[in-house]
């Protein structure tokens, strides 16, 4: 695996983590919304948007050095972080369906990555 590809994978993975924190802050900020325009000017909502935008910048840097068809599925790993943060920050339950969904996400990302690795080995 080339150093550029490793860098791309790490950047895309990092973008998923940053974006998942953005989702947490958006949720925390959304709780403070009361329908008035001024309620949208809260710090948690602001930083949630900043983290989402930041994750997009990191993601754009990451996809420069690799194949989009391999890197893009890694974005879905952000959903795994989001579910973990939801449990930690909001005490949301882990249900059987959520765990099954997480397993399917991991399986899908692994299959895309292994398919590319098998192709590169030939």
N, C-alpha and C. Protein backbone atom coordinates (compact mmCIF):
# COMPACT_ATOMS: atom_id res chain seq x y z
N UNK A 1 0.86 -1.17 0.00
CA UNK A 1 0.00 0.00 0.00
C UNK A 1 0.91 1.23 0.00
N UNK A 2 0.64 2.15 -0.89
CA UNK A 2 1.48 3.34 -1.03
C UNK A 2 1.25 4.31 0.13
N UNK A 3 2.26 5.12 0.44
CA UNK A 3 2.09 6.12 1.50
C UNK A 3 0.96 7.12 1.20
N UNK A 4 0.76 7.45 -0.07
CA UNK A 4 -0.33 8.36 -0.43
C UNK A 4 -1.69 7.75 -0.13
N UNK A 5 -1.82 6.45 -0.39
CA UNK A 5 -3.09 5.78 -0.12
C UNK A 5 -3.33 5.70 1.39
N UNK A 6 -2.31 5.40 2.15
CA UNK A 6 -2.45 5.36 3.62
C UNK A 6 -2.87 6.73 4.13
N UNK A 7 -2.24 7.78 3.63
CA UNK A 7 -2.59 9.14 4.03
C UNK A 7 -4.05 9.44 3.68
N UNK A 8 -4.48 9.03 2.49
CA UNK A 8 -5.87 9.25 2.07
C UNK A 8 -6.85 8.52 2.97
N UNK A 9 -6.54 7.28 3.30
CA UNK A 9 -7.41 6.49 4.17
C UNK A 9 -7.51 7.15 5.54
N UNK A 10 -6.39 7.59 6.09
CA UNK A 10 -6.40 8.24 7.40
C UNK A 10 -7.17 9.55 7.37
N UNK A 11 -7.02 10.32 6.30
CA UNK A 11 -7.76 11.58 6.19
C UNK A 11 -9.27 11.33 6.10
N UNK A 12 -9.67 10.36 5.29
CA UNK A 12 -11.10 10.06 5.15
C UNK A 12 -11.66 9.53 6.46
N UNK A 13 -10.89 8.67 7.13
CA UNK A 13 -11.31 8.16 8.43
C UNK A 13 -11.44 9.31 9.43
N UNK A 14 -10.46 10.19 9.46
CA UNK A 14 -10.50 11.35 10.35
C UNK A 14 -11.68 12.26 10.05
N UNK A 15 -11.99 12.43 8.77
CA UNK A 15 -13.15 13.25 8.39
C UNK A 15 -14.43 12.66 8.96
N UNK A 16 -14.53 11.34 8.97
CA UNK A 16 -15.71 10.68 9.55
C UNK A 16 -15.83 10.94 11.04
N UNK A 17 -14.70 10.90 11.74
CA UNK A 17 -14.72 11.16 13.19
C UNK A 17 -15.10 12.61 13.46
N UNK A 18 -14.49 13.54 12.73
CA UNK A 18 -14.80 14.97 12.92
C UNK A 18 -16.27 15.24 12.60
N UNK A 19 -16.76 14.67 11.51
CA UNK A 19 -18.17 14.85 11.14
C UNK A 19 -19.12 14.29 12.18
N UNK A 20 -18.74 13.19 12.81
CA UNK A 20 -19.61 12.60 13.83
C UNK A 20 -19.69 13.50 15.07
N UNK A 21 -18.59 14.15 15.41
CA UNK A 21 -18.64 15.14 16.51
C UNK A 21 -19.50 16.33 16.11
N UNK A 22 -19.45 16.68 14.82
CA UNK A 22 -20.33 17.74 14.34
C UNK A 22 -21.79 17.40 14.55
N UNK A 23 -22.14 16.15 14.31
CA UNK A 23 -23.52 15.72 14.52
C UNK A 23 -23.92 15.84 15.99
N UNK A 24 -23.01 15.49 16.88
CA UNK A 24 -23.29 15.61 18.32
C UNK A 24 -23.55 17.06 18.70
N UNK A 25 -22.70 17.95 18.23
CA UNK A 25 -22.87 19.36 18.56
C UNK A 25 -24.13 19.94 17.91
N UNK A 26 -24.45 19.49 16.70
CA UNK A 26 -25.70 19.94 16.08
C UNK A 26 -26.90 19.53 16.93
N UNK A 27 -26.87 18.30 17.42
CA UNK A 27 -27.96 17.82 18.29
C UNK A 27 -28.04 18.65 19.57
N UNK A 28 -26.89 18.89 20.18
CA UNK A 28 -26.86 19.69 21.42
C UNK A 28 -27.37 21.11 21.15
N UNK A 29 -26.99 21.66 20.01
CA UNK A 29 -27.45 23.00 19.67
C UNK A 29 -28.91 23.03 19.29
N UNK A 30 -29.39 21.98 18.63
CA UNK A 30 -30.78 21.92 18.19
C UNK A 30 -31.74 21.87 19.38
N UNK A 31 -31.30 21.29 20.47
CA UNK A 31 -32.12 21.22 21.68
C UNK A 31 -32.47 22.62 22.18
N UNK A 32 -31.60 23.57 21.91
CA UNK A 32 -31.80 24.95 22.38
C UNK A 32 -32.69 25.78 21.44
N UNK A 33 -33.06 25.23 20.30
CA UNK A 33 -33.89 25.98 19.36
C UNK A 33 -35.31 26.12 19.90
N UNK A 34 -35.83 27.33 19.83
CA UNK A 34 -37.19 27.56 20.32
C UNK A 34 -38.11 28.15 19.25
N UNK A 35 -37.64 28.19 18.02
CA UNK A 35 -38.45 28.72 16.93
C UNK A 35 -38.08 30.15 16.56
N UNK A 36 -37.41 30.84 17.46
CA UNK A 36 -36.99 32.20 17.19
C UNK A 36 -35.66 32.22 16.44
N UNK A 37 -35.47 33.22 15.62
CA UNK A 37 -34.25 33.34 14.83
C UNK A 37 -33.01 33.43 15.71
N UNK A 38 -33.10 34.12 16.82
CA UNK A 38 -31.95 34.29 17.72
C UNK A 38 -31.49 32.96 18.32
N UNK A 39 -32.38 32.00 18.44
CA UNK A 39 -31.99 30.71 19.04
C UNK A 39 -31.03 29.94 18.13
N UNK A 40 -30.98 30.30 16.85
CA UNK A 40 -30.04 29.65 15.93
C UNK A 40 -28.61 30.13 16.15
N UNK A 41 -28.44 31.17 16.92
CA UNK A 41 -27.12 31.73 17.17
C UNK A 41 -26.55 31.19 18.48
N UNK A 42 -26.57 29.87 18.61
CA UNK A 42 -25.97 29.29 19.82
C UNK A 42 -24.65 28.60 19.46
N UNK A 43 -23.76 28.56 20.43
CA UNK A 43 -22.38 28.14 20.21
C UNK A 43 -22.27 26.67 19.78
N UNK A 44 -23.11 25.82 20.34
CA UNK A 44 -23.03 24.40 19.98
C UNK A 44 -23.47 24.18 18.54
N UNK A 45 -24.52 24.83 18.14
CA UNK A 45 -24.98 24.73 16.76
C UNK A 45 -23.91 25.27 15.81
N UNK A 46 -23.32 26.39 16.18
CA UNK A 46 -22.27 27.00 15.36
C UNK A 46 -21.10 26.03 15.18
N UNK A 47 -20.60 25.46 16.28
CA UNK A 47 -19.46 24.55 16.18
C UNK A 47 -19.83 23.23 15.50
N UNK A 48 -21.07 22.81 15.60
CA UNK A 48 -21.51 21.64 14.85
C UNK A 48 -21.40 21.87 13.36
N UNK A 49 -21.83 23.03 12.91
CA UNK A 49 -21.72 23.38 11.49
C UNK A 49 -20.25 23.50 11.08
N UNK A 50 -19.44 24.12 11.94
CA UNK A 50 -18.01 24.26 11.65
C UNK A 50 -17.35 22.89 11.50
N UNK A 51 -17.68 21.96 12.40
CA UNK A 51 -17.08 20.62 12.30
C UNK A 51 -17.55 19.89 11.06
N UNK A 52 -18.82 20.04 10.69
CA UNK A 52 -19.29 19.42 9.45
C UNK A 52 -18.55 19.98 8.24
N UNK A 53 -18.40 21.29 8.19
CA UNK A 53 -17.66 21.90 7.08
C UNK A 53 -16.20 21.46 7.12
N UNK A 54 -15.62 21.42 8.31
CA UNK A 54 -14.24 20.97 8.44
C UNK A 54 -14.05 19.54 7.98
N UNK A 55 -15.01 18.69 8.29
CA UNK A 55 -14.91 17.30 7.86
C UNK A 55 -14.97 17.20 6.34
N UNK A 56 -15.72 18.08 5.71
CA UNK A 56 -15.78 18.10 4.24
C UNK A 56 -14.44 18.51 3.63
N UNK A 57 -13.77 19.46 4.26
CA UNK A 57 -12.45 19.88 3.78
C UNK A 57 -11.45 18.74 3.94
N UNK A 58 -11.46 18.08 5.09
CA UNK A 58 -10.57 16.94 5.32
C UNK A 58 -10.87 15.83 4.33
N UNK A 59 -12.15 15.57 4.10
CA UNK A 59 -12.55 14.53 3.16
C UNK A 59 -12.05 14.86 1.75
N UNK A 60 -12.20 16.11 1.34
CA UNK A 60 -11.74 16.51 0.00
C UNK A 60 -10.24 16.28 -0.13
N UNK A 61 -9.49 16.60 0.91
CA UNK A 61 -8.04 16.36 0.88
C UNK A 61 -7.75 14.86 0.80
N UNK A 62 -8.55 14.07 1.47
CA UNK A 62 -8.34 12.62 1.49
C UNK A 62 -8.60 11.95 0.16
N UNK A 63 -9.63 12.37 -0.53
CA UNK A 63 -9.97 11.66 -1.78
C UNK A 63 -9.02 12.02 -2.93
N UNK A 64 -8.17 13.00 -2.72
CA UNK A 64 -7.19 13.35 -3.76
C UNK A 64 -6.25 12.20 -4.06
N UNK A 65 -5.87 11.44 -3.04
CA UNK A 65 -4.81 10.46 -3.20
C UNK A 65 -5.26 9.02 -3.34
N UNK A 66 -6.53 8.79 -3.61
CA UNK A 66 -6.99 7.41 -3.73
C UNK A 66 -8.21 7.30 -4.61
N UNK A 67 -8.70 6.10 -4.73
CA UNK A 67 -9.87 5.85 -5.57
C UNK A 67 -11.14 6.18 -4.80
N UNK A 68 -11.98 6.97 -5.43
CA UNK A 68 -13.23 7.37 -4.81
C UNK A 68 -14.09 6.16 -4.46
N UNK A 69 -14.08 5.14 -5.30
CA UNK A 69 -14.92 3.96 -5.06
C UNK A 69 -14.47 3.18 -3.83
N UNK A 70 -13.24 3.35 -3.42
CA UNK A 70 -12.75 2.69 -2.21
C UNK A 70 -12.89 3.61 -1.00
N UNK A 71 -12.58 4.88 -1.17
CA UNK A 71 -12.57 5.81 -0.04
C UNK A 71 -13.97 6.25 0.38
N UNK A 72 -14.86 6.44 -0.57
CA UNK A 72 -16.18 6.96 -0.22
C UNK A 72 -16.93 6.05 0.75
N UNK A 73 -16.91 4.72 0.58
CA UNK A 73 -17.60 3.87 1.56
C UNK A 73 -17.06 4.04 2.99
N UNK A 74 -15.83 4.50 3.12
CA UNK A 74 -15.27 4.71 4.46
C UNK A 74 -15.97 5.85 5.20
N UNK A 75 -16.62 6.73 4.47
CA UNK A 75 -17.36 7.82 5.10
C UNK A 75 -18.45 7.23 6.00
N UNK A 76 -18.99 6.09 5.62
CA UNK A 76 -20.06 5.48 6.42
C UNK A 76 -19.57 5.05 7.80
N UNK A 77 -18.26 4.96 7.99
CA UNK A 77 -17.75 4.64 9.32
C UNK A 77 -18.08 5.75 10.31
N UNK A 78 -18.34 6.95 9.81
CA UNK A 78 -18.78 8.04 10.67
C UNK A 78 -20.08 7.72 11.39
N UNK A 79 -20.94 6.91 10.77
CA UNK A 79 -22.19 6.50 11.41
C UNK A 79 -21.90 5.67 12.66
N UNK A 80 -20.85 4.89 12.62
CA UNK A 80 -20.48 4.08 13.78
C UNK A 80 -20.08 4.99 14.93
N UNK A 81 -19.24 5.98 14.64
CA UNK A 81 -18.85 6.93 15.68
C UNK A 81 -20.06 7.68 16.21
N UNK A 82 -20.95 8.07 15.31
CA UNK A 82 -22.14 8.83 15.73
C UNK A 82 -23.00 8.02 16.70
N UNK A 83 -23.18 6.75 16.43
CA UNK A 83 -23.97 5.91 17.33
C UNK A 83 -23.29 5.77 18.69
N UNK A 84 -21.97 5.64 18.68
CA UNK A 84 -21.24 5.57 19.94
C UNK A 84 -21.34 6.88 20.73
N UNK A 85 -21.21 8.01 20.04
CA UNK A 85 -21.34 9.30 20.72
C UNK A 85 -22.77 9.50 21.23
N UNK A 86 -23.76 9.05 20.45
CA UNK A 86 -25.16 9.18 20.89
C UNK A 86 -25.38 8.41 22.19
N UNK A 87 -24.77 7.27 22.30
CA UNK A 87 -24.87 6.49 23.54
C UNK A 87 -24.18 7.22 24.69
N UNK A 88 -22.99 7.75 24.42
CA UNK A 88 -22.20 8.40 25.45
C UNK A 88 -22.82 9.72 25.90
N UNK A 89 -23.21 10.57 24.96
CA UNK A 89 -23.67 11.92 25.30
C UNK A 89 -25.17 12.02 25.56
N UNK A 90 -25.96 11.18 24.89
CA UNK A 90 -27.42 11.31 24.99
C UNK A 90 -28.10 10.09 25.59
N UNK A 91 -27.31 9.11 26.01
CA UNK A 91 -27.82 7.88 26.64
C UNK A 91 -28.81 7.13 25.73
N UNK A 92 -28.59 7.23 24.41
CA UNK A 92 -29.45 6.49 23.48
C UNK A 92 -29.12 5.00 23.56
N UNK A 93 -30.12 4.18 23.44
CA UNK A 93 -29.95 2.73 23.60
C UNK A 93 -29.31 2.10 22.37
N UNK A 94 -28.51 1.07 22.64
CA UNK A 94 -28.05 0.18 21.57
C UNK A 94 -29.13 -0.87 21.38
N UNK A 95 -29.74 -0.92 20.23
CA UNK A 95 -30.75 -1.94 19.95
C UNK A 95 -30.15 -3.00 19.03
N UNK A 96 -30.83 -4.10 18.94
CA UNK A 96 -30.37 -5.16 18.04
C UNK A 96 -30.28 -4.68 16.60
N UNK A 97 -31.22 -3.88 16.19
CA UNK A 97 -31.19 -3.37 14.81
C UNK A 97 -30.02 -2.41 14.58
N UNK A 98 -29.72 -1.59 15.56
CA UNK A 98 -28.58 -0.70 15.42
C UNK A 98 -27.28 -1.50 15.33
N UNK A 99 -27.16 -2.51 16.17
CA UNK A 99 -25.95 -3.33 16.15
C UNK A 99 -25.85 -4.08 14.83
N UNK A 100 -26.96 -4.60 14.34
CA UNK A 100 -26.95 -5.27 13.04
C UNK A 100 -26.57 -4.30 11.93
N UNK A 101 -27.10 -3.09 11.98
CA UNK A 101 -26.75 -2.08 10.99
C UNK A 101 -25.28 -1.73 11.02
N UNK A 102 -24.73 -1.59 12.23
CA UNK A 102 -23.30 -1.33 12.36
C UNK A 102 -22.48 -2.47 11.76
N UNK A 103 -22.91 -3.69 12.03
CA UNK A 103 -22.22 -4.85 11.46
C UNK A 103 -22.25 -4.85 9.95
N UNK A 104 -23.39 -4.49 9.38
CA UNK A 104 -23.49 -4.44 7.92
C UNK A 104 -22.61 -3.33 7.34
N UNK A 105 -22.53 -2.20 8.02
CA UNK A 105 -21.65 -1.12 7.56
C UNK A 105 -20.21 -1.61 7.55
N UNK A 106 -19.78 -2.21 8.66
CA UNK A 106 -18.41 -2.72 8.73
C UNK A 106 -18.14 -3.77 7.67
N UNK A 107 -19.09 -4.66 7.47
CA UNK A 107 -18.94 -5.70 6.46
C UNK A 107 -18.81 -5.08 5.07
N UNK A 108 -19.65 -4.11 4.77
CA UNK A 108 -19.61 -3.47 3.46
C UNK A 108 -18.30 -2.74 3.21
N UNK A 109 -17.83 -1.99 4.19
CA UNK A 109 -16.55 -1.29 4.03
C UNK A 109 -15.42 -2.29 3.87
N UNK A 110 -15.44 -3.36 4.66
CA UNK A 110 -14.39 -4.38 4.56
C UNK A 110 -14.41 -5.06 3.19
N UNK A 111 -15.60 -5.34 2.68
CA UNK A 111 -15.68 -6.02 1.38
C UNK A 111 -15.16 -5.12 0.26
N UNK A 112 -15.48 -3.84 0.31
CA UNK A 112 -14.97 -2.92 -0.70
C UNK A 112 -13.44 -2.85 -0.61
N UNK A 113 -12.93 -2.72 0.61
CA UNK A 113 -11.47 -2.65 0.80
C UNK A 113 -10.77 -3.93 0.42
N UNK A 114 -11.33 -5.08 0.81
CA UNK A 114 -10.71 -6.36 0.45
C UNK A 114 -10.80 -6.63 -1.04
N UNK A 115 -11.89 -6.20 -1.65
CA UNK A 115 -12.02 -6.37 -3.11
C UNK A 115 -10.95 -5.60 -3.85
N UNK A 116 -10.66 -4.41 -3.37
CA UNK A 116 -9.60 -3.59 -3.98
C UNK A 116 -8.23 -4.19 -3.70
N UNK A 117 -8.03 -4.73 -2.49
CA UNK A 117 -6.75 -5.33 -2.14
C UNK A 117 -6.49 -6.57 -2.99
N UNK A 118 -7.52 -7.37 -3.23
CA UNK A 118 -7.37 -8.57 -4.07
C UNK A 118 -7.03 -8.18 -5.51
N UNK A 119 -7.64 -7.13 -5.98
CA UNK A 119 -7.39 -6.64 -7.34
C UNK A 119 -5.95 -6.15 -7.47
N UNK A 120 -5.46 -5.44 -6.44
CA UNK A 120 -4.10 -4.90 -6.47
C UNK A 120 -3.06 -6.02 -6.38
N UNK A 121 -3.40 -7.13 -5.73
CA UNK A 121 -2.45 -8.23 -5.56
C UNK A 121 -2.22 -9.00 -6.86
N UNK A 122 -3.14 -8.88 -7.82
CA UNK A 122 -3.00 -9.65 -9.08
C UNK A 122 -1.97 -9.05 -9.98
